[in-house]
Protein backbone atom coordinates (compact mmCIF):
# COMPACT_ATOMS: atom_id res chain seq x y z
CA MET A 1 90.18 90.59 96.40
CA THR A 2 92.06 89.74 93.00
CA ASP A 3 91.26 88.40 89.66
CA ARG A 4 94.72 86.54 89.63
CA CYS A 5 97.21 84.77 91.86
CA ARG A 6 99.36 86.42 93.87
CA LEU A 7 101.90 86.06 96.81
CA TYR A 8 101.31 86.34 100.21
CA LEU A 9 104.14 86.45 102.47
CA ILE A 10 104.65 85.38 105.92
CA THR A 11 107.17 86.76 108.15
CA PRO A 12 109.82 84.18 109.77
CA PRO A 13 108.65 82.88 113.33
CA LEU A 14 111.51 84.71 114.87
CA ILE A 15 112.96 88.26 113.81
CA ALA A 16 115.92 88.74 115.83
CA ASP A 17 117.37 91.87 114.21
CA LEU A 18 114.46 94.22 113.19
CA ALA A 19 116.95 96.26 111.43
CA ALA A 20 118.38 93.20 109.26
CA PHE A 21 114.75 91.89 108.57
CA ALA A 22 113.71 95.59 107.31
CA GLU A 23 116.41 95.35 104.63
CA ASN A 24 115.40 91.81 103.68
CA LEU A 25 111.81 92.85 103.44
CA LYS A 26 112.82 95.77 100.96
CA ALA A 27 114.47 93.36 98.81
CA ALA A 28 111.70 90.83 98.78
CA LEU A 29 109.03 93.51 98.03
CA GLY A 30 111.58 94.52 95.08
CA GLY A 31 111.73 91.29 93.81
CA GLY A 32 107.88 91.21 92.16
CA ASP A 33 104.40 91.37 92.85
CA VAL A 34 103.52 90.86 96.79
CA ALA A 35 99.88 91.46 97.92
CA CYS A 36 100.23 90.72 101.47
CA LEU A 37 102.49 90.47 104.29
CA GLN A 38 101.22 88.71 107.53
CA LEU A 39 103.37 89.44 110.61
CA ARG A 40 103.51 86.02 112.67
CA LEU A 41 105.96 85.78 115.53
CA LYS A 42 105.16 82.32 116.62
CA SER A 43 107.41 79.40 117.10
CA PRO A 44 106.33 75.82 115.11
CA GLU A 45 105.09 74.73 118.44
CA GLY A 46 102.69 77.79 118.66
CA VAL A 47 104.24 79.56 121.32
CA SER A 48 103.83 83.51 120.53
CA ALA A 49 106.18 86.46 120.82
CA LYS A 50 105.32 88.92 123.51
CA ASP A 51 102.86 91.96 122.84
CA ASP A 52 105.68 94.68 122.97
CA GLU A 53 107.68 92.55 120.45
CA ILE A 54 105.03 92.30 118.03
CA LEU A 55 104.09 95.71 118.39
CA ARG A 56 107.57 96.97 117.74
CA ALA A 57 108.17 94.48 114.82
CA ALA A 58 104.81 96.22 113.60
CA GLU A 59 105.94 99.42 114.07
CA ASN A 60 109.14 98.78 111.80
CA ILE A 61 107.45 96.88 109.10
CA ALA A 62 104.16 98.96 108.47
CA PRO A 63 106.17 101.69 106.66
CA ILE A 64 107.80 99.71 104.48
CA VAL A 65 104.88 97.65 103.23
CA SER A 66 102.63 100.79 103.03
CA ALA A 67 105.59 102.38 100.84
CA ALA A 68 105.22 99.37 98.97
CA ASP A 69 101.06 99.23 98.55
CA VAL A 70 101.38 95.91 100.42
CA HIS A 71 98.62 94.94 102.38
CA PHE A 72 99.58 94.39 106.20
CA LEU A 73 97.94 91.63 108.69
CA ILE A 74 98.66 90.47 111.74
CA ASN A 75 98.56 86.97 113.05
CA ASP A 76 96.02 86.10 115.89
CA ARG A 77 95.39 89.23 117.54
CA PRO A 78 92.99 91.48 116.41
CA ASP A 79 93.49 93.87 119.54
CA LEU A 80 97.26 93.86 118.44
CA ALA A 81 96.13 94.76 114.52
CA LYS A 82 94.14 97.49 115.86
CA ARG A 83 96.75 99.27 118.21
CA ALA A 84 99.62 98.63 115.28
CA GLY A 85 97.19 100.37 112.80
CA ALA A 86 97.26 97.05 110.56
CA ASP A 87 95.08 96.65 107.20
CA GLY A 88 93.60 93.30 109.45
CA VAL A 89 94.03 90.23 111.18
CA HIS A 90 94.45 86.44 110.64
CA ILE A 91 92.86 84.54 112.76
CA GLY A 92 93.19 80.67 113.38
CA GLN A 93 90.71 78.01 114.75
CA LYS A 94 91.74 78.70 118.25
CA ASP A 95 92.21 82.32 118.18
CA ALA A 96 89.97 85.25 118.81
CA ALA A 97 86.27 84.45 116.98
CA TYR A 98 85.51 86.16 113.83
CA ALA A 99 82.75 88.19 115.09
CA GLU A 100 85.01 89.42 118.25
CA ALA A 101 87.45 90.47 115.42
CA ARG A 102 85.35 92.08 113.13
CA ALA A 103 83.42 93.99 116.15
CA LEU A 104 86.91 95.35 117.18
CA LEU A 105 88.56 96.07 113.80
CA GLY A 106 85.57 97.26 111.79
CA PRO A 107 83.91 96.73 108.17
CA LYS A 108 86.80 97.69 106.45
CA ALA A 109 89.21 95.45 107.85
CA THR A 110 90.35 92.39 106.16
CA ILE A 111 89.78 89.35 108.30
CA GLY A 112 91.17 85.79 107.25
CA VAL A 113 90.35 82.57 108.84
CA THR A 114 92.75 79.17 108.77
CA CYS A 115 90.37 76.43 107.39
CA HIS A 116 92.88 73.61 107.56
CA ASN A 117 91.69 71.12 104.74
CA SER A 118 87.88 71.59 106.40
CA VAL A 119 85.31 72.85 103.82
CA ASP A 120 82.55 72.93 106.27
CA LEU A 121 84.82 75.64 108.48
CA ALA A 122 85.67 77.70 105.56
CA ILE A 123 81.74 77.55 104.59
CA SER A 124 81.44 78.80 108.05
CA ALA A 125 83.67 81.52 107.67
CA GLY A 126 82.65 82.61 104.55
CA GLU A 127 78.89 82.98 105.42
CA ALA A 128 80.23 84.87 108.39
CA GLY A 129 81.91 87.53 106.32
CA ALA A 130 85.54 86.49 106.35
CA ASP A 131 87.73 88.08 103.34
CA TYR A 132 89.26 84.91 102.72
CA VAL A 133 90.00 81.32 103.99
CA ALA A 134 93.10 79.63 104.08
CA PHE A 135 93.70 75.90 103.42
CA GLY A 136 96.67 73.81 104.38
CA ALA A 137 99.35 72.47 104.62
CA PHE A 138 99.65 71.17 101.27
CA PHE A 139 103.27 70.14 101.84
CA PRO A 140 105.51 69.40 104.53
CA THR A 141 106.62 72.68 106.51
CA ARG A 142 108.76 73.39 109.10
CA THR A 143 107.37 76.78 109.96
CA LYS A 144 104.57 75.47 112.10
CA GLU A 145 102.97 71.95 113.34
CA ALA A 146 100.52 71.41 110.66
CA PRO A 147 97.25 69.75 112.15
CA ALA A 148 96.11 68.69 109.14
CA ARG A 149 97.24 67.53 105.07
CA ALA A 150 95.13 69.31 102.49
CA GLU A 151 94.88 67.95 98.89
CA ILE A 152 95.08 70.09 95.89
CA ALA A 153 91.82 69.43 94.91
CA LEU A 154 90.25 70.89 97.87
CA ILE A 155 91.53 74.22 95.93
CA GLU A 156 89.85 73.22 92.80
CA ASN A 157 86.58 72.51 94.38
CA TRP A 158 86.17 75.66 96.45
CA SER A 159 87.07 77.86 93.55
CA PHE A 160 84.46 76.21 91.45
CA ALA A 161 81.86 76.71 94.26
CA THR A 162 82.31 80.00 95.98
CA ASN A 163 83.86 83.54 95.20
CA VAL A 164 84.97 83.60 98.91
CA PRO A 165 88.91 84.13 98.15
CA CYS A 166 91.10 81.20 99.44
CA VAL A 167 94.94 81.43 100.15
CA ALA A 168 97.08 78.07 99.96
CA ILE A 169 99.75 77.56 102.41
CA GLY A 170 102.18 74.91 104.09
CA GLY A 171 105.67 74.03 102.41
CA ILE A 172 104.66 76.02 99.29
CA THR A 173 107.85 76.77 97.05
CA ALA A 174 108.42 78.04 93.55
CA GLU A 175 108.82 74.31 92.31
CA ASN A 176 105.65 73.02 93.76
CA CYS A 177 103.35 75.93 93.84
CA GLY A 178 102.08 75.35 90.27
CA GLY A 179 99.25 72.82 90.74
CA LEU A 180 97.77 75.15 93.48
CA VAL A 181 97.61 77.96 91.05
CA ALA A 182 96.18 75.83 88.46
CA ALA A 183 93.58 74.60 90.88
CA GLY A 184 92.24 78.17 91.43
CA ALA A 185 94.37 79.39 94.47
CA ASP A 186 93.80 83.14 94.70
CA PHE A 187 97.26 83.44 96.92
CA ILE A 188 99.88 81.36 97.68
CA ALA A 189 101.18 82.16 101.40
CA VAL A 190 105.02 81.17 101.67
CA SER A 191 107.59 82.34 104.38
CA SER A 192 110.61 79.81 104.34
CA ALA A 193 110.93 79.77 100.64
CA VAL A 194 111.81 83.52 100.72
CA TRP A 195 113.53 84.42 104.01
CA GLU A 196 115.60 81.12 104.14
CA ALA A 197 116.15 81.05 100.26
CA SER A 198 119.87 80.52 99.63
CA GLU A 199 119.62 83.01 96.46
CA GLY A 200 118.26 85.95 98.95
CA PRO A 201 114.67 87.20 99.13
CA GLU A 202 114.88 89.18 95.97
CA THR A 203 115.46 86.40 94.01
CA ALA A 204 113.09 83.94 95.61
CA VAL A 205 109.83 86.59 95.18
CA ALA A 206 110.93 86.61 91.73
CA ARG A 207 111.22 83.14 91.01
CA LEU A 208 107.75 82.68 92.65
CA ASN A 209 106.35 85.21 90.59
CA LYS A 210 107.74 83.67 87.56
CA SER A 211 106.28 79.93 88.71
CA ILE A 212 102.65 81.47 89.64
CA LEU A 213 102.66 83.52 86.09
CA ALA A 214 103.60 80.53 84.41
CA ALA A 215 100.89 78.22 85.87
CA ALA A 216 98.53 80.71 85.30
CA LEU A 217 99.07 81.08 81.60
CA ALA A 218 99.16 77.41 81.49
CA ARG A 219 95.68 77.05 83.02
CA HIS A 220 93.77 79.51 80.89
CA ASP A 221 95.70 78.15 77.69
């Protein structure tokens, strides 16, 4: 999917004002390279928004990310991803099975799978055909209740052993992402580091891209 580490944005868990978020999203995408946006409307306790809320948000978000040539995924729900015309879905271990998601969305859809800190889960997902696996949480996060803490060495070992792309997630910021990039992460997933940034989403994305580039250059020195 990529030959360099790129930014993977996840929406805030609650979008109270879609018009305001649309402007923040445009600003974020104007701040630098973004590979993907995942629509994830779910409380830290795991309570998901209603279907109509998710679809309404998707309807507002899809044209913005499409215009920016950014991949659009929906969290958990392959059925809603299909209805919304999204590029794919990100599924967790307690969500729809990979095979079900692939059967519904077809061979061209992007399907990513949460694997926490488990190489075994990641191997199973990769062998099934997942387009990427996601590891984390690497750092403390308020966005969700993380069931496991992952070590940076997991990224390094995975990148060495396989070509299946990996996403690093969980409490990642411009200040702490360097080790994950250096370890070989294909994508750095962030949420609060952008949407809650005091300097605004555009500057936050720019700072994250600067940190990713610096770590990547250092890795290849």
